[in-house]
């Protein structure tokens, strides 16, 4: 069975690009423009959630991860911030919200795939 990735971002362009890269590499992909994803997560059962940090102009992604980590059926799902923010800032935010790391949106397709694979294997 292929690994499943849920991409959450308020940009339709980012969702389209990221899902195409992941699908071409053999991942099953679902996308959401909303950070209110609990029912989608329970239905799709992703191996990884790529969560936009600055959702709707706010740092909503980290709050969503903090909330999801408290839901027993979802808490073991790997969750990564997906952002173009400064890496040092992202490391700090990951520690605060319990994210399993971060991936830069500015990464090449190859780097994105390498990072996704690394997170899913851990």
Protein backbone atom coordinates (compact mmCIF):
# COMPACT_ATOMS: atom_id res chain seq x y z
CA UNK A 1 0.00 0.00 0.00
CA UNK A 2 1.28 3.45 -0.88
CA UNK A 3 1.88 6.00 1.86
CA UNK A 4 -0.86 8.59 2.28
CA UNK A 5 -0.18 12.31 2.57
CA UNK A 6 -2.68 15.01 3.48
CA UNK A 7 -1.62 18.48 2.29
CA UNK A 8 -3.27 21.40 4.08
CA UNK A 9 -2.75 24.86 2.61
CA UNK A 10 -4.87 27.93 1.89
CA UNK A 11 -3.21 28.35 -1.53
CA UNK A 12 -4.80 26.38 -4.36
CA UNK A 13 -1.53 26.75 -6.31
CA UNK A 14 0.53 25.18 -3.50
CA UNK A 15 -2.01 22.37 -3.10
CA UNK A 16 -1.98 21.60 -6.83
CA UNK A 17 1.82 21.65 -7.15
CA UNK A 18 2.50 19.66 -3.99
CA UNK A 19 -0.15 17.03 -4.70
CA UNK A 20 1.09 16.58 -8.29
CA UNK A 21 4.69 16.06 -7.12
CA UNK A 22 3.61 13.56 -4.46
CA UNK A 23 1.19 11.68 -6.74
CA UNK A 24 3.84 11.34 -9.46
CA UNK A 25 6.09 9.73 -6.83
CA UNK A 26 3.38 7.19 -5.97
CA UNK A 27 1.82 8.71 -2.85
CA UNK A 28 -1.93 8.74 -2.24
CA UNK A 29 -2.79 12.39 -1.68
CA UNK A 30 -5.72 14.33 -0.28
CA UNK A 31 -5.78 18.12 0.03
CA UNK A 32 -7.65 20.62 2.14
CA UNK A 33 -7.80 24.40 2.08
CA UNK A 34 -9.21 24.33 5.62
CA UNK A 35 -7.27 23.55 8.80
CA UNK A 36 -10.44 21.95 10.25
CA UNK A 37 -9.45 18.48 9.07
CA UNK A 38 -10.25 16.08 11.92
CA UNK A 39 -12.99 14.20 10.03
CA UNK A 40 -10.86 14.06 6.86
CA UNK A 41 -7.90 12.71 8.87
CA UNK A 42 -10.08 10.05 10.50
CA UNK A 43 -11.48 9.00 7.09
CA UNK A 44 -8.29 9.19 4.95
CA UNK A 45 -5.89 7.99 7.70
CA UNK A 46 -2.78 9.75 6.33
CA UNK A 47 0.73 8.64 7.21
CA UNK A 48 1.77 12.31 7.06
CA UNK A 49 0.06 15.68 7.29
CA UNK A 50 1.86 18.59 5.58
CA UNK A 51 0.40 21.60 7.41
CA UNK A 52 0.72 25.15 6.12
CA UNK A 53 2.06 27.29 8.99
CA UNK A 54 0.71 30.68 7.93
CA UNK A 55 -2.82 29.62 7.16
CA UNK A 56 -5.08 32.56 6.37
CA UNK A 57 -2.34 35.02 7.27
CA UNK A 58 -2.09 33.68 10.81
CA UNK A 59 0.10 31.01 12.33
CA UNK A 60 -2.89 28.67 12.31
CA UNK A 61 -1.02 25.56 11.24
CA UNK A 62 0.85 25.23 14.51
CA UNK A 63 -2.38 25.65 16.50
CA UNK A 64 -4.03 22.97 14.34
CA UNK A 65 -1.16 20.55 15.00
CA UNK A 66 -1.31 21.24 18.74
CA UNK A 67 -5.04 20.43 18.68
CA UNK A 68 -4.67 17.33 16.49
CA UNK A 69 -1.96 15.93 18.76
CA UNK A 70 -4.57 15.87 21.57
CA UNK A 71 -6.99 13.63 19.60
CA UNK A 72 -6.21 9.98 20.46
CA UNK A 73 -7.12 8.53 17.03
CA UNK A 74 -4.92 11.11 15.28
CA UNK A 75 -2.12 11.84 17.73
CA UNK A 76 0.27 9.23 16.28
CA UNK A 77 0.00 10.61 12.73
CA UNK A 78 3.22 12.31 11.58
CA UNK A 79 2.63 16.07 11.24
CA UNK A 80 5.03 18.48 9.58
CA UNK A 81 4.86 22.24 9.12
CA UNK A 82 5.01 23.27 5.47
CA UNK A 83 6.25 26.82 5.22
CA UNK A 84 8.59 29.30 3.61
CA UNK A 85 9.38 30.87 7.01
CA UNK A 86 12.90 31.08 8.39
CA UNK A 87 14.27 27.62 9.34
CA UNK A 88 15.35 28.77 12.82
CA UNK A 89 11.86 30.12 13.50
CA UNK A 90 10.34 26.88 12.17
CA UNK A 91 12.49 24.73 14.47
CA UNK A 92 11.26 26.72 17.47
CA UNK A 93 7.61 26.53 16.37
CA UNK A 94 7.92 22.76 15.77
CA UNK A 95 9.12 22.26 19.34
CA UNK A 96 6.29 24.41 20.71
CA UNK A 97 3.45 22.71 18.83
CA UNK A 98 4.77 19.14 18.74
CA UNK A 99 5.26 18.97 14.97
CA UNK A 100 7.50 16.19 13.67
CA UNK A 101 9.59 18.69 11.71
CA UNK A 102 9.19 21.09 8.85
CA UNK A 103 9.62 21.20 5.09
CA UNK A 104 10.37 24.43 3.25
CA UNK A 105 7.82 25.28 0.55
CA UNK A 106 10.70 26.71 -1.46
CA UNK A 107 12.34 23.27 -1.67
CA UNK A 108 12.80 21.59 -5.03
CA UNK A 109 10.49 18.69 -5.91
CA UNK A 110 13.35 16.26 -5.21
CA UNK A 111 14.00 17.77 -1.78
CA UNK A 112 10.28 17.72 -0.97
CA UNK A 113 10.08 14.01 -1.84
CA UNK A 114 13.26 13.18 0.10
CA UNK A 115 11.97 14.99 3.20
CA UNK A 116 8.50 13.41 2.99
CA UNK A 117 10.04 9.95 2.66
CA UNK A 118 12.35 10.60 5.63
CA UNK A 119 9.49 11.75 7.89
CA UNK A 120 7.24 8.83 6.97
CA UNK A 121 10.03 6.28 7.64
CA UNK A 122 10.79 7.66 11.14
